[in-house]
Amino acid sequence: MSFSPTHTTQDLVLCCYVNATTHVEIARISNIPHWYFERVVFPGQRLIFEAPLKGKLEIHTGTAISSILSETINCEELHLTSTFPIYSHR
């Protein structure tokens, strides 16, 4: 997990994203300065990660040579709580 030294663990929230498609997706957070987060999410895979609450998870789909930003989700919506619904991409 990569995070910026300017963020403490108290600033981070536990999030969950599920790739409910039949396509490989790239999940990326790019709106937080000095923060790098990018993961490949396979079909049916559940991605559990820590991120700043103000983060926006970008979901990119496409082929090996091109990709399209298909969705942007606020990490606040992906935040896991004791009674959490898991966000699932359509």
C-alpha atoms as a PDB file:
ATOM      1  CA  MET A   1       0.000   0.000   0.000  1.00  0.00           C
ATOM      2  CA  SER A   2       1.433   3.357  -0.957  1.00  0.00           C
ATOM      3  CA  PHE A   3       0.598   6.528   0.874  1.00  0.00           C
ATOM      4  CA  SER A   4       1.970   9.953   1.491  1.00  0.00           C
ATOM      5  CA  PRO A   5       3.890  10.836   4.642  1.00  0.00           C
ATOM      6  CA  THR A   6       1.532  13.827   4.987  1.00  0.00           C
ATOM      7  CA  HIS A   7      -1.337  11.421   5.727  1.00  0.00           C
ATOM      8  CA  THR A   8      -1.485   9.596   9.038  1.00  0.00           C
ATOM      9  CA  THR A   9      -3.327   6.339   9.531  1.00  0.00           C
ATOM     10  CA  GLN A  10      -6.093   8.318  11.273  1.00  0.00           C
ATOM     11  CA  ASP A  11      -6.700  10.181   7.993  1.00  0.00           C
ATOM     12  CA  LEU A  12      -7.266   6.927   6.104  1.00  0.00           C
ATOM     13  CA  VAL A  13     -10.458   4.910   5.843  1.00  0.00           C
ATOM     14  CA  LEU A  14     -10.900   1.264   4.890  1.00  0.00           C
ATOM     15  CA  CYS A  15     -12.698   0.947   1.552  1.00  0.00           C
ATOM     16  CA  CYS A  16     -14.066  -1.848  -0.604  1.00  0.00           C
ATOM     17  CA  TYR A  17     -14.726  -2.017  -4.332  1.00  0.00           C
ATOM     18  CA  VAL A  18     -16.013  -5.069  -6.243  1.00  0.00           C
ATOM     19  CA  ASN A  19     -15.512  -5.520  -9.977  1.00  0.00           C
ATOM     20  CA  ALA A  20     -18.856  -7.061 -10.926  1.00  0.00           C
ATOM     21  CA  THR A  21     -18.093  -6.858 -14.645  1.00  0.00           C
ATOM     22  CA  THR A  22     -16.563  -9.450 -16.959  1.00  0.00           C
ATOM     23  CA  HIS A  23     -13.692  -7.075 -17.806  1.00  0.00           C
ATOM     24  CA  VAL A  24     -10.360  -6.338 -16.157  1.00  0.00           C
ATOM     25  CA  GLU A  25     -10.386  -2.863 -14.627  1.00  0.00           C
ATOM     26  CA  ILE A  26      -7.731  -0.473 -13.353  1.00  0.00           C
ATOM     27  CA  ALA A  27      -8.615   1.275 -10.085  1.00  0.00           C
ATOM     28  CA  ARG A  28      -6.715   4.514  -9.480  1.00  0.00           C
ATOM     29  CA  ILE A  29      -6.820   7.396  -6.996  1.00  0.00           C
ATOM     30  CA  SER A  30      -5.333  10.507  -8.573  1.00  0.00           C
ATOM     31  CA  ASN A  31      -6.969  13.498  -6.883  1.00  0.00           C
ATOM     32  CA  ILE A  32      -4.817  13.445  -3.717  1.00  0.00           C
ATOM     33  CA  PRO A  33      -1.466  15.296  -4.030  1.00  0.00           C
ATOM     34  CA  HIS A  34       1.616  13.112  -3.401  1.00  0.00           C
ATOM     35  CA  TRP A  35      -0.540   9.985  -3.244  1.00  0.00           C
ATOM     36  CA  TYR A  36      -0.162   6.993  -5.544  1.00  0.00           C
ATOM     37  CA  PHE A  37      -2.691   4.183  -5.699  1.00  0.00           C
ATOM     38  CA  GLU A  38      -3.292   2.005  -8.735  1.00  0.00           C
ATOM     39  CA  ARG A  39      -4.401  -1.624  -8.836  1.00  0.00           C
ATOM     40  CA  VAL A  40      -5.625  -4.121 -11.398  1.00  0.00           C
ATOM     41  CA  VAL A  41      -9.032  -5.531 -10.426  1.00  0.00           C
ATOM     42  CA  PHE A  42     -10.053  -8.764 -12.122  1.00  0.00           C
ATOM     43  CA  PRO A  43     -13.679  -9.744 -12.824  1.00  0.00           C
ATOM     44  CA  GLY A  44     -15.401 -10.738  -9.600  1.00  0.00           C
ATOM     45  CA  GLN A  45     -12.496  -9.558  -7.461  1.00  0.00           C
ATOM     46  CA  ARG A  46     -13.053  -7.599  -4.244  1.00  0.00           C
ATOM     47  CA  LEU A  47     -10.498  -4.848  -3.643  1.00  0.00           C
ATOM     48  CA  ILE A  48     -10.012  -3.797  -0.003  1.00  0.00           C
ATOM     49  CA  PHE A  49      -7.782  -0.734   0.452  1.00  0.00           C
ATOM     50  CA  GLU A  50      -7.055   2.256   2.665  1.00  0.00           C
ATOM     51  CA  ALA A  51      -7.427   5.737   1.244  1.00  0.00           C
ATOM     52  CA  PRO A  52      -8.108   9.307   2.316  1.00  0.00           C
ATOM     53  CA  LEU A  53     -11.832   9.943   2.771  1.00  0.00           C
ATOM     54  CA  LYS A  54     -11.631  12.742   0.172  1.00  0.00           C
ATOM     55  CA  GLY A  55     -10.130  10.356  -2.411  1.00  0.00           C
ATOM     56  CA  LYS A  56     -11.909   9.575  -5.655  1.00  0.00           C
ATOM     57  CA  LEU A  57     -11.481   6.083  -7.072  1.00  0.00           C
ATOM     58  CA  GLU A  58     -11.293   6.148 -10.861  1.00  0.00           C
ATOM     59  CA  ILE A  59     -12.302   2.953 -12.652  1.00  0.00           C
ATOM     60  CA  HIS A  60     -10.648   2.518 -16.050  1.00  0.00           C
ATOM     61  CA  THR A  61     -11.735  -0.182 -18.500  1.00  0.00           C
ATOM     62  CA  GLY A  62     -10.490  -1.115 -21.918  1.00  0.00           C
ATOM     63  CA  THR A  63      -7.857  -3.125 -23.716  1.00  0.00           C
ATOM     64  CA  ALA A  64      -4.135  -3.526 -23.192  1.00  0.00           C
ATOM     65  CA  ILE A  65      -3.378  -0.602 -25.516  1.00  0.00           C
ATOM     66  CA  SER A  66      -6.094   1.844 -24.468  1.00  0.00           C
ATOM     67  CA  SER A  67      -8.395   2.535 -21.567  1.00  0.00           C
ATOM     68  CA  ILE A  68     -11.439   4.645 -20.848  1.00  0.00           C
ATOM     69  CA  LEU A  69     -12.334   6.303 -17.559  1.00  0.00           C
ATOM     70  CA  SER A  70     -15.692   4.636 -17.028  1.00  0.00           C
ATOM     71  CA  GLU A  71     -16.558   5.761 -13.505  1.00  0.00           C
ATOM     72  CA  THR A  72     -15.375   7.905 -10.590  1.00  0.00           C
ATOM     73  CA  ILE A  73     -16.499   6.943  -7.088  1.00  0.00           C
ATOM     74  CA  ASN A  74     -15.967   8.952  -3.889  1.00  0.00           C
ATOM     75  CA  CYS A  75     -14.042   6.917  -1.311  1.00  0.00           C
ATOM     76  CA  GLU A  76     -16.634   8.107   1.187  1.00  0.00           C
ATOM     77  CA  GLU A  77     -19.135   5.862  -0.661  1.00  0.00           C
ATOM     78  CA  LEU A  78     -16.713   2.919  -0.505  1.00  0.00           C
ATOM     79  CA  HIS A  79     -15.927   3.366   3.201  1.00  0.00           C
ATOM     80  CA  LEU A  80     -16.464   0.126   5.123  1.00  0.00           C
ATOM     81  CA  THR A  81     -18.478   0.425   8.330  1.00  0.00           C
ATOM     82  CA  SER A  82     -19.916  -2.187  10.651  1.00  0.00           C
ATOM     83  CA  THR A  83     -23.096  -2.237   8.541  1.00  0.00           C
ATOM     84  CA  PHE A  84     -21.657  -1.633   5.110  1.00  0.00           C
ATOM     85  CA  PRO A  85     -23.068  -2.237   1.672  1.00  0.00           C
ATOM     86  CA  ILE A  86     -20.288  -3.223  -0.716  1.00  0.00           C
ATOM     87  CA  TYR A  87     -20.177  -1.015  -3.787  1.00  0.00           C
ATOM     88  CA  SER A  88     -20.354  -3.086  -6.918  1.00  0.00           C
ATOM     89  CA  HIS A  89     -19.661  -1.724 -10.404  1.00  0.00           C
ATOM     90  CA  ARG A  90     -22.446  -2.536 -12.850  1.00  0.00           C
END
